[in-house]
Amino acid sequence: MKPRLFWTMLLAFTLVIVLSVCGMLGFVALAVSGQWQPAAVRETFREFQQTYALSLGDYYVANGESWVGVEQRFETLPAVGPGNFFDYALADENGQIIASTDTKYPAGTVLSEKDLKGGIVVRARNRQVGTLLFDNGPRGMMQSPPAAPTPPTAPARGPRAVFWPILRSFLIAAGVLVTGLLLMALFFVQRISRPLRTLTVAAQQLATGALDVQVKPAPIREVNELTQAFNSMARSLASADRQRRQMTADIAHELRTPLTIIKGRLEGMQDGVYEAKPEELERLLGETALLERLIEDLRLLALAENGQLPLYREPIDPRELLDNAHNAFARQAAEQHVALAVDAPDDLPALDADPQRLAQVLANLVANALRYTPEGGSITLGAHTAGQEGADVVVLEVRDTGAGIPADDLPHVFDRFYRADRSRARSSGGTGLGLAIARQIVLSHGGTIQASSTEGQGTTMTITLPLEGSAALVV
């Protein structure tokens, strides 16, 4: 079983804190025990011992060049003596120990020159009168020999009495420090792990189908960015699910309508209500054609949305594209008494595109314009070049003077099965997929398409396409 992030981070913080405090205490213990001392500490001890050697020389002179009573000077030093922090021994000019707190050098012992070599020379009147011997720094408490009995008037302070208050203070400080740092670590670990736990729960809910789940912002920037990305993903999934449900309902409705008509007509013929006349067969054939067109449009839209729509690119003259669209709808426009014209220069640069797909887009836009432009209106097919974000583009426009599109409907004109005029029948208005297909075809060419309209004045459909060799436009 894998550990939780909370306990992993808390353990990591705890180890860092404990190791830091233990390291600090270890250095203090080494310094106190004499096993390790900083250079500054050693130098301080050395200066103290040299100064004390000078004071012993002064004592020797002041005492009539005699060491009598020098033992009392050692007794006045703090933490000096058997079982305490420091040990000193004083030898006279002959190397005989005359005063000592070190059990290794009892009084009366005669030392060799080798033993005296490590001491500090005590001088008086420019001659050596003795040698001061000392341990190389303070000893540890537990390694000290037991304290020797001392007179009641000057009781010796044992190692515990000297150093236990110091160690106790260090331990108390360490405990307070560890407690405070652990509380801080717990606070920060919770600030990190709690939003992640919330995010995990939300992800589990999302996996069960609760697409409306959202996570509150987190106090840490990186985790907050993660929650924002999750919320955006959840909203996208919810939107895609709504679109899928709506598309399924729309497809079912679009398929059901012609199928109902076909079924009703065939049952009527079977019951003798309708005769199998050419007119009835023509109606049935028209409904099957609507079904075939709907299915083909859905297939084409699915390919385009998945980036699998095959494009056969070649250099295309934009003016020729508009002329072909004009020629294809000129008769229908004349029958509706709508003026159809082309407004584009002849020297436009070539496009790198699939001519059949772009002709399909223009045919859809012109058909929609004819459907909504009243008698006496006009439709203009225009083209010109422009510069957009450093890239040269060709702009194709289909402008009409029709009824226009309401502002509330304008953002949805490229959605599947959407129509601003909801009273229009499919038999007169197609499958409702034309503009959605047109948008995907334009996007697959690296271009953009948008609609602008003023209700009661007309609509303009604008297609922006990169020139041959230009980079795709940012949608």
Protein backbone atom coordinates (compact mmCIF):
# COMPACT_ATOMS: atom_id res chain seq x y z
CA MET A 1 0.00 0.00 0.00
CA LYS A 2 1.46 3.31 -1.05
CA PRO A 3 1.85 5.98 1.64
CA ARG A 4 -0.27 9.13 1.54
CA LEU A 5 1.31 12.42 0.56
CA PHE A 6 0.38 13.95 3.93
CA TRP A 7 2.32 11.38 5.95
CA THR A 8 5.22 11.33 3.49
CA MET A 9 5.71 15.09 3.67
CA LEU A 10 5.18 15.17 7.42
CA LEU A 11 7.77 12.43 7.89
CA ALA A 12 10.20 14.29 5.64
CA PHE A 13 9.75 17.53 7.59
CA THR A 14 10.10 15.64 10.89
CA LEU A 15 13.34 13.97 9.80
CA VAL A 16 14.80 17.29 8.69
CA ILE A 17 13.84 18.96 11.96
CA VAL A 18 15.07 16.12 14.19
CA LEU A 19 18.34 15.74 12.29
CA SER A 20 18.95 19.49 12.42
CA VAL A 21 18.33 19.71 16.16
CA CYS A 22 20.31 16.54 16.86
CA GLY A 23 23.17 17.87 14.76
CA MET A 24 23.16 21.10 16.72
CA LEU A 25 23.16 19.24 20.03
CA GLY A 26 25.88 16.90 18.75
CA PHE A 27 28.19 19.78 17.93
CA VAL A 28 27.54 21.29 21.35
CA ALA A 29 28.26 17.94 23.03
CA LEU A 30 31.50 17.46 21.08
CA ALA A 31 32.64 20.95 21.98
CA VAL A 32 31.81 20.44 25.65
CA SER A 33 33.44 16.99 25.78
CA GLY A 34 36.66 18.25 24.20
CA GLN A 35 36.44 15.84 21.27
CA TRP A 36 36.01 18.74 18.87
CA GLN A 37 36.44 22.42 19.41
CA PRO A 38 36.44 25.38 17.05
CA ALA A 39 39.76 27.12 16.54
CA ALA A 40 38.48 30.22 18.31
CA VAL A 41 37.71 28.17 21.42
CA ARG A 42 41.14 26.54 21.41
CA GLU A 43 42.83 29.90 21.01
CA THR A 44 40.85 31.31 23.92
CA PHE A 45 41.94 28.42 26.16
CA ARG A 46 45.53 28.88 25.08
CA GLU A 47 45.51 32.60 25.84
CA PHE A 48 43.92 31.93 29.26
CA GLN A 49 46.59 29.37 30.14
CA GLN A 50 49.44 31.64 29.04
CA THR A 51 47.99 34.48 31.09
CA TYR A 52 47.66 32.18 34.07
CA ALA A 53 51.30 31.10 33.64
CA LEU A 54 52.33 34.78 33.77
CA SER A 55 50.28 35.24 36.95
CA LEU A 56 52.07 32.23 38.48
CA GLY A 57 55.40 33.87 37.69
CA ASP A 58 54.26 37.03 39.45
CA TYR A 59 53.15 34.90 42.44
CA TYR A 60 56.58 33.25 42.58
CA VAL A 61 58.33 36.61 42.76
CA ALA A 62 55.82 38.11 45.21
CA ASN A 63 56.18 35.02 47.45
CA GLY A 64 59.92 35.50 47.86
CA GLU A 65 60.76 33.23 44.93
CA SER A 66 58.95 30.35 46.56
CA TRP A 67 56.04 28.11 45.48
CA VAL A 68 54.73 27.67 48.99
CA GLY A 69 50.93 27.95 49.11
CA VAL A 70 50.48 27.83 45.32
CA GLU A 71 47.90 25.02 45.71
CA GLN A 72 45.38 27.57 46.95
CA ARG A 73 45.54 29.43 43.63
CA PHE A 74 44.32 26.32 41.77
CA GLU A 75 41.42 25.93 44.20
CA THR A 76 40.11 29.39 43.30
CA LEU A 77 39.74 28.55 39.59
CA PRO A 78 36.20 27.54 38.55
CA ALA A 79 35.57 23.95 37.46
CA VAL A 80 39.16 22.90 38.26
CA GLY A 81 40.05 19.76 40.08
CA PRO A 82 39.32 16.06 40.08
CA GLY A 83 35.96 15.31 38.52
CA ASN A 84 35.57 18.83 37.14
CA PHE A 85 36.14 20.47 33.79
CA PHE A 86 39.89 21.26 33.78
CA ASP A 87 43.05 19.69 35.27
CA TYR A 88 46.29 21.56 35.93
CA ALA A 89 49.67 20.56 37.33
CA LEU A 90 52.67 22.76 38.23
CA ALA A 91 56.22 21.45 38.18
CA ASP A 92 59.22 23.35 39.57
CA GLU A 93 62.44 24.04 37.64
CA ASN A 94 63.60 20.47 38.47
CA GLY A 95 60.50 18.85 36.99
CA GLN A 96 58.96 17.83 40.31
CA ILE A 97 55.21 18.29 40.71
CA ILE A 98 54.58 20.75 43.52
CA ALA A 99 50.83 21.38 42.98
CA SER A 100 48.28 19.38 40.96
CA THR A 101 44.58 18.83 40.34
CA ASP A 102 45.30 16.05 37.85
CA THR A 103 45.29 12.53 39.22
CA LYS A 104 47.83 11.54 36.56
CA TYR A 105 50.40 13.89 38.08
CA PRO A 106 50.25 13.61 41.90
CA ALA A 107 52.42 15.95 43.99
CA GLY A 108 56.02 14.80 44.33
CA THR A 109 56.16 13.09 40.97
CA VAL A 110 59.28 13.88 38.94
CA LEU A 111 58.56 14.25 35.26
CA SER A 112 60.85 13.62 32.36
CA GLU A 113 61.74 16.24 29.79
CA LYS A 114 59.34 14.53 27.38
CA ASP A 115 56.42 14.99 29.78
CA LEU A 116 57.39 18.60 30.45
CA LYS A 117 57.71 19.43 26.75
CA GLY A 118 53.95 19.92 26.26
CA GLY A 119 53.58 22.42 29.12
CA ILE A 120 53.83 26.21 29.32
CA VAL A 121 57.04 27.61 30.76
CA VAL A 122 56.58 29.79 33.87
CA ARG A 123 59.20 32.56 34.00
CA ALA A 124 60.27 34.95 36.73
CA ARG A 125 63.11 37.47 36.50
CA ASN A 126 63.93 36.19 32.98
CA ARG A 127 64.50 32.59 34.06
CA GLN A 128 62.40 29.43 34.07
CA VAL A 129 61.02 28.71 37.48
CA GLY A 130 58.45 26.08 36.59
CA THR A 131 56.23 24.42 34.00
CA LEU A 132 52.42 24.59 33.86
CA LEU A 133 50.85 21.34 32.60
CA PHE A 134 47.25 21.05 31.44
CA ASP A 135 44.91 18.74 29.60
CA ASN A 136 44.35 19.49 25.90
CA GLY A 137 41.03 21.24 26.45
CA PRO A 138 38.07 20.31 28.65
CA ARG A 139 37.20 16.69 29.34
CA GLY A 140 33.81 15.05 29.09
CA MET A 141 31.67 14.73 32.18
CA MET A 142 31.17 11.00 32.10
CA GLN A 143 34.87 10.26 31.51
CA SER A 144 35.98 12.22 34.57
CA PRO A 145 37.14 10.32 37.64
CA PRO A 146 35.11 10.68 40.81
CA ALA A 147 35.55 13.90 42.69
CA ALA A 148 38.07 13.73 45.52
CA PRO A 149 36.86 14.61 48.99
CA THR A 150 37.24 18.27 49.73
CA PRO A 151 36.95 20.27 52.89
CA PRO A 152 33.45 21.36 53.82
CA THR A 153 34.41 24.99 53.35
CA ALA A 154 35.11 24.49 49.63
CA PRO A 155 32.90 21.67 48.33
CA ALA A 156 33.78 20.45 44.82
CA ARG A 157 31.06 20.78 42.21
CA GLY A 158 30.68 17.46 40.41
CA PRO A 159 30.19 17.14 36.65
CA ARG A 160 26.42 16.77 36.92
CA ALA A 161 26.16 19.87 39.08
CA VAL A 162 28.20 21.88 36.58
CA PHE A 163 26.81 20.69 33.28
CA TRP A 164 23.35 19.28 33.93
CA PRO A 165 21.72 22.76 34.03
CA ILE A 166 23.45 23.59 30.74
CA LEU A 167 22.36 20.37 29.08
CA ARG A 168 18.88 20.69 30.51
CA SER A 169 18.59 24.18 29.03
CA PHE A 170 19.73 22.87 25.66
CA LEU A 171 17.27 19.98 25.83
CA ILE A 172 14.38 22.27 26.76
CA ALA A 173 15.30 24.66 23.93
CA ALA A 174 15.58 21.74 21.54
CA GLY A 175 12.18 20.38 22.61
CA VAL A 176 10.51 23.75 22.17
CA LEU A 177 12.20 24.20 18.80
CA VAL A 178 11.20 20.75 17.57
CA THR A 179 7.61 21.25 18.73
CA GLY A 180 7.33 24.64 17.03
CA LEU A 181 8.90 23.40 13.80
CA LEU A 182 6.66 20.31 13.76
CA LEU A 183 3.57 22.48 14.16
CA MET A 184 4.75 24.67 11.29
CA ALA A 185 5.46 21.57 9.19
CA LEU A 186 2.00 20.21 9.97
CA PHE A 187 0.45 23.52 8.91
CA PHE A 188 2.27 23.64 5.57
CA VAL A 189 1.74 19.95 4.85
CA GLN A 190 -2.00 20.37 5.36
CA ARG A 191 -2.02 23.41 3.07
CA ILE A 192 -0.54 21.25 0.32
CA SER A 193 -2.19 17.88 0.91
CA ARG A 194 -5.73 19.02 1.73
CA PRO A 195 -6.40 20.60 -1.72
CA LEU A 196 -4.88 17.54 -3.37
CA ARG A 197 -7.19 15.25 -1.37
CA THR A 198 -10.14 17.42 -2.40
CA LEU A 199 -8.98 17.25 -6.01
CA THR A 200 -8.69 13.46 -5.81
CA VAL A 201 -12.24 13.17 -4.47
CA ALA A 202 -13.49 15.46 -7.24
CA ALA A 203 -11.68 13.38 -9.86
CA GLN A 204 -13.29 10.22 -8.49
CA GLN A 205 -16.70 11.90 -8.66
CA LEU A 206 -15.96 12.99 -12.23
CA ALA A 207 -15.09 9.42 -13.13
CA THR A 208 -18.50 8.27 -11.88
CA GLY A 209 -20.27 10.72 -14.19
CA ALA A 210 -20.71 13.80 -11.97
CA LEU A 211 -19.54 16.23 -14.65
CA ASP A 212 -20.73 19.32 -12.77
CA VAL A 213 -18.16 18.90 -9.98
CA GLN A 214 -15.91 21.88 -9.27
CA VAL A 215 -13.00 22.38 -6.85
CA LYS A 216 -12.43 25.49 -4.72
CA PRO A 217 -9.25 27.54 -5.35
CA ALA A 218 -6.17 26.35 -3.45
CA PRO A 219 -3.87 28.65 -1.41
CA ILE A 220 -0.71 27.47 -3.20
CA ARG A 221 -0.17 28.72 -6.74
CA GLU A 222 0.89 25.44 -8.38
CA VAL A 223 -1.94 23.50 -6.72
CA ASN A 224 -4.37 26.30 -7.59
CA GLU A 225 -3.30 26.10 -11.24
CA LEU A 226 -3.97 22.37 -11.08
CA THR A 227 -7.46 22.94 -9.64
CA GLN A 228 -8.20 25.56 -12.31
CA ALA A 229 -7.13 23.11 -15.01
CA PHE A 230 -9.33 20.44 -13.44
CA ASN A 231 -12.31 22.81 -13.27
CA SER A 232 -11.78 23.80 -16.91
CA MET A 233 -11.57 20.15 -17.90
CA ALA A 234 -14.76 19.34 -15.98
CA ARG A 235 -16.59 22.22 -17.64
CA SER A 236 -15.37 21.10 -21.06
CA LEU A 237 -16.50 17.54 -20.39
CA ALA A 238 -19.88 18.77 -19.19
CA SER A 239 -20.25 20.96 -22.27
CA ALA A 240 -19.20 18.10 -24.56
CA ASP A 241 -21.67 15.79 -22.83
CA ARG A 242 -24.49 18.31 -23.28
CA GLN A 243 -23.55 18.75 -26.93
CA ARG A 244 -23.42 14.98 -27.40
CA ARG A 245 -26.84 14.54 -25.83
CA GLN A 246 -28.24 17.43 -27.85
CA MET A 247 -26.69 16.12 -31.06
CA THR A 248 -28.07 12.66 -30.40
CA ALA A 249 -31.53 14.13 -29.85
CA ASP A 250 -31.21 16.31 -32.97
CA ILE A 251 -30.03 13.41 -35.12
CA ALA A 252 -32.86 11.24 -33.82
CA HIS A 253 -35.33 14.02 -34.62
CA GLU A 254 -33.90 14.64 -38.09
CA LEU A 255 -33.97 10.95 -38.93
CA ARG A 256 -37.40 10.37 -37.45
CA THR A 257 -39.14 13.07 -39.50
CA PRO A 258 -38.40 11.70 -43.02
CA LEU A 259 -38.71 8.12 -41.81
CA THR A 260 -42.17 8.88 -40.41
CA ILE A 261 -43.20 10.43 -43.73
CA ILE A 262 -41.87 7.48 -45.72
CA LYS A 263 -43.50 4.97 -43.39
CA GLY A 264 -46.85 6.80 -43.47
CA ARG A 265 -46.86 7.01 -47.26
CA LEU A 266 -45.97 3.36 -47.67
CA GLU A 267 -48.62 2.23 -45.17
CA GLY A 268 -51.14 4.44 -47.01
CA MET A 269 -50.28 2.74 -50.29
CA GLN A 270 -50.53 -0.64 -48.60
CA ASP A 271 -53.98 0.20 -47.22
CA GLY A 272 -55.15 1.70 -50.50
CA VAL A 273 -55.29 5.29 -49.19
CA TYR A 274 -52.62 6.39 -51.68
CA GLU A 275 -52.02 5.03 -55.12
CA ALA A 276 -48.52 4.21 -56.22
CA LYS A 277 -48.50 7.07 -58.64
CA PRO A 278 -45.29 8.69 -59.92
CA GLU A 279 -46.02 11.77 -57.79
CA GLU A 280 -46.15 9.69 -54.59
CA LEU A 281 -43.00 7.81 -55.52
CA GLU A 282 -41.32 11.15 -56.24
CA ARG A 283 -42.19 12.35 -52.70
CA LEU A 284 -40.81 9.19 -51.17
CA LEU A 285 -37.66 9.51 -53.25
CA GLY A 286 -37.26 13.09 -52.05
CA GLU A 287 -37.50 12.00 -48.38
CA THR A 288 -34.89 9.31 -48.91
CA ALA A 289 -32.68 11.92 -50.56
CA LEU A 290 -33.01 14.07 -47.41
CA LEU A 291 -31.99 11.08 -45.30
CA GLU A 292 -29.02 10.38 -47.54
CA ARG A 293 -27.93 14.01 -47.41
CA LEU A 294 -28.26 14.14 -43.63
CA ILE A 295 -26.18 11.01 -43.18
CA GLU A 296 -23.54 12.26 -45.61
CA ASP A 297 -23.38 15.65 -43.87
CA LEU A 298 -22.93 13.95 -40.49
CA ARG A 299 -20.15 11.77 -41.89
CA LEU A 300 -18.44 14.79 -43.44
CA LEU A 301 -18.74 16.81 -40.22
CA ALA A 302 -17.32 13.96 -38.14
CA LEU A 303 -14.32 13.64 -40.47
CA ALA A 304 -13.69 17.39 -40.39
CA GLU A 305 -13.94 17.66 -36.60
CA ASN A 306 -11.51 14.76 -36.16
CA GLY A 307 -9.01 16.24 -38.62
CA GLN A 308 -9.52 13.32 -41.02
CA LEU A 309 -11.17 15.20 -43.88
CA PRO A 310 -9.02 14.61 -46.99
CA LEU A 311 -7.93 17.83 -48.72
CA TYR A 312 -6.51 17.94 -52.23
CA ARG A 313 -4.70 21.25 -52.21
CA GLU A 314 -3.68 23.15 -55.31
CA PRO A 315 -3.17 26.81 -56.23
CA ILE A 316 -6.58 28.48 -56.68
CA ASP A 317 -7.50 31.89 -58.03
CA PRO A 318 -9.92 33.47 -55.49
CA ARG A 319 -11.71 35.38 -58.26
CA GLU A 320 -12.33 32.13 -60.13
CA LEU A 321 -13.86 30.61 -56.98
CA LEU A 322 -16.32 33.50 -56.70
CA ASP A 323 -17.15 33.40 -60.42
CA ASN A 324 -17.94 29.69 -60.23
CA ALA A 325 -20.23 30.25 -57.22
CA HIS A 326 -21.92 33.12 -59.09
CA ASN A 327 -22.51 31.00 -62.17
CA ALA A 328 -23.91 28.12 -60.08
CA PHE A 329 -26.58 30.31 -58.44
CA ALA A 330 -27.21 32.93 -61.12
CA ARG A 331 -30.37 31.25 -62.41
CA GLN A 332 -31.88 30.77 -58.94
CA ALA A 333 -31.10 34.40 -58.05
CA ALA A 334 -32.75 35.62 -61.24
CA GLU A 335 -35.86 33.54 -60.51
CA GLN A 336 -36.06 35.10 -57.02
CA HIS A 337 -35.38 38.56 -58.47
CA VAL A 338 -32.26 38.95 -56.33
CA ALA A 339 -29.19 40.69 -57.74
CA LEU A 340 -26.12 38.45 -57.50
CA ALA A 341 -22.75 40.10 -58.22
CA VAL A 342 -19.00 39.56 -57.82
CA ASP A 343 -16.84 42.36 -56.44
CA ALA A 344 -13.18 41.26 -56.56
CA PRO A 345 -10.03 42.32 -58.47
CA ASP A 346 -8.54 40.03 -61.09
CA ASP A 347 -4.97 40.08 -59.71
CA LEU A 348 -5.55 38.43 -56.34
CA PRO A 349 -2.75 36.08 -55.19
CA ALA A 350 -3.41 32.35 -55.34
CA LEU A 351 -4.71 30.29 -52.43
CA ASP A 352 -3.33 26.88 -51.47
CA ALA A 353 -6.59 25.00 -50.89
CA ASP A 354 -8.94 22.26 -52.01
CA PRO A 355 -11.14 23.85 -54.72
CA GLN A 356 -14.05 21.44 -54.26
CA ARG A 357 -14.22 21.96 -50.49
CA LEU A 358 -14.09 25.75 -50.76
CA ALA A 359 -16.71 25.63 -53.52
CA GLN A 360 -18.87 23.63 -51.11
CA VAL A 361 -18.43 26.33 -48.44
CA LEU A 362 -19.31 29.17 -50.83
CA ALA A 363 -22.29 27.22 -52.18
CA ASN A 364 -23.65 26.82 -48.64
CA LEU A 365 -23.19 30.51 -47.83
CA VAL A 366 -24.79 31.69 -51.10
CA ALA A 367 -27.70 29.26 -50.68
CA ASN A 368 -28.35 30.60 -47.18
CA ALA A 369 -28.15 34.18 -48.45
CA LEU A 370 -30.70 33.44 -51.22
CA ARG A 371 -32.96 31.76 -48.69
CA TYR A 372 -33.16 34.90 -46.51
CA THR A 373 -32.85 37.70 -49.07
CA PRO A 374 -36.24 39.03 -50.19
CA GLU A 375 -37.22 39.90 -53.74
CA GLY A 376 -35.41 43.03 -54.91
CA GLY A 377 -32.46 42.45 -52.57
CA SER A 378 -28.85 41.84 -53.49
CA ILE A 379 -26.01 39.43 -52.73
CA THR A 380 -22.38 40.38 -53.29
CA LEU A 381 -19.46 37.98 -53.45
CA GLY A 382 -16.29 39.91 -52.57
CA ALA A 383 -12.58 39.23 -52.06
CA HIS A 384 -9.51 41.25 -51.09
CA THR A 385 -6.11 40.82 -49.46
CA ALA A 386 -5.19 41.85 -45.95
CA GLY A 387 -2.42 41.52 -43.37
CA GLN A 388 -3.16 39.69 -40.11
CA GLU A 389 -0.52 39.20 -37.37
CA GLY A 390 2.33 39.34 -39.87
CA ALA A 391 0.71 36.86 -42.30
CA ASP A 392 -0.79 37.79 -45.69
CA VAL A 393 -4.34 36.51 -46.12
CA VAL A 394 -7.19 36.59 -48.59
CA VAL A 395 -10.61 37.59 -47.27
CA LEU A 396 -13.71 36.19 -48.99
CA GLU A 397 -17.09 37.73 -48.20
CA VAL A 398 -20.72 36.87 -48.90
CA ARG A 399 -22.87 39.97 -48.20
CA ASP A 400 -26.64 40.04 -48.48
CA THR A 401 -29.41 42.54 -47.77
CA GLY A 402 -31.71 40.02 -46.17
CA ALA A 403 -33.53 39.97 -42.86
CA GLY A 404 -30.34 39.59 -40.84
CA ILE A 405 -29.70 37.44 -37.79
CA PRO A 406 -30.80 38.39 -34.24
CA ALA A 407 -27.91 39.25 -31.93
CA ASP A 408 -28.81 36.39 -29.54
CA ASP A 409 -28.62 33.86 -32.37
CA LEU A 410 -25.44 35.16 -34.01
CA PRO A 411 -22.93 33.28 -31.76
CA HIS A 412 -24.69 29.96 -32.51
CA VAL A 413 -25.07 30.04 -36.29
CA PHE A 414 -22.18 27.61 -36.76
CA ASP A 415 -23.56 25.05 -34.26
CA ARG A 416 -24.97 21.74 -35.42
CA PHE A 417 -28.70 21.72 -36.25
CA TYR A 418 -29.02 25.35 -35.19
CA ARG A 419 -31.30 27.71 -37.04
CA ALA A 420 -32.35 31.22 -36.20
CA ASP A 421 -35.73 30.72 -37.85
CA ARG A 422 -37.09 27.80 -35.86
CA SER A 423 -40.32 27.72 -37.86
CA ARG A 424 -38.47 26.79 -41.05
CA ALA A 425 -39.01 23.19 -42.14
CA ARG A 426 -36.15 20.89 -43.05
CA SER A 427 -37.65 20.35 -46.46
CA SER A 428 -37.08 24.02 -47.22
CA GLY A 429 -33.99 24.59 -45.12
CA GLY A 430 -31.67 21.61 -45.47
CA THR A 431 -30.18 19.54 -42.67
CA GLY A 432 -28.98 22.34 -40.40
CA LEU A 433 -25.38 21.17 -40.71
CA GLY A 434 -24.23 23.36 -43.59
CA LEU A 435 -22.61 26.17 -41.59
CA ALA A 436 -21.06 23.72 -39.10
CA ILE A 437 -19.49 21.84 -42.04
CA ALA A 438 -18.38 25.10 -43.64
CA ARG A 439 -16.65 26.16 -40.43
CA GLN A 440 -14.77 22.87 -40.10
CA ILE A 441 -13.65 22.96 -43.75
CA VAL A 442 -12.31 26.50 -43.33
CA LEU A 443 -10.54 25.54 -40.09
CA SER A 444 -8.96 22.53 -41.78
CA HIS A 445 -7.47 24.98 -44.32
CA GLY A 446 -5.92 27.00 -41.50
CA GLY A 447 -8.42 29.83 -41.86
CA THR A 448 -11.26 31.41 -39.92
CA ILE A 449 -14.92 32.12 -40.62
CA GLN A 450 -17.24 34.51 -38.80
CA ALA A 451 -20.64 36.08 -39.18
CA SER A 452 -21.66 39.71 -38.66
CA SER A 453 -25.20 40.92 -39.02
CA THR A 454 -27.56 43.77 -38.34
CA GLU A 455 -31.15 42.66 -37.98
CA GLY A 456 -33.26 44.07 -40.80
CA GLN A 457 -30.22 45.16 -42.87
CA GLY A 458 -28.43 41.98 -43.85
CA THR A 459 -25.65 39.54 -43.01
CA THR A 460 -21.97 39.26 -43.97
CA MET A 461 -20.10 35.96 -43.84
CA THR A 462 -16.32 36.52 -43.78
CA ILE A 463 -13.78 33.82 -44.60
CA THR A 464 -10.08 34.48 -43.96
CA LEU A 465 -7.62 32.10 -45.62
CA PRO A 466 -3.80 32.11 -45.67
CA LEU A 467 -2.08 32.60 -49.02
CA GLU A 468 -0.09 29.84 -50.67
CA GLY A 469 2.99 29.16 -48.51
CA SER A 470 1.72 31.18 -45.51
CA ALA A 471 1.34 29.78 -42.01
CA ALA A 472 -2.08 28.81 -40.65
CA LEU A 473 -3.99 31.49 -38.79
CA VAL A 474 -4.57 31.33 -35.05
CA VAL A 475 -8.25 30.62 -34.39
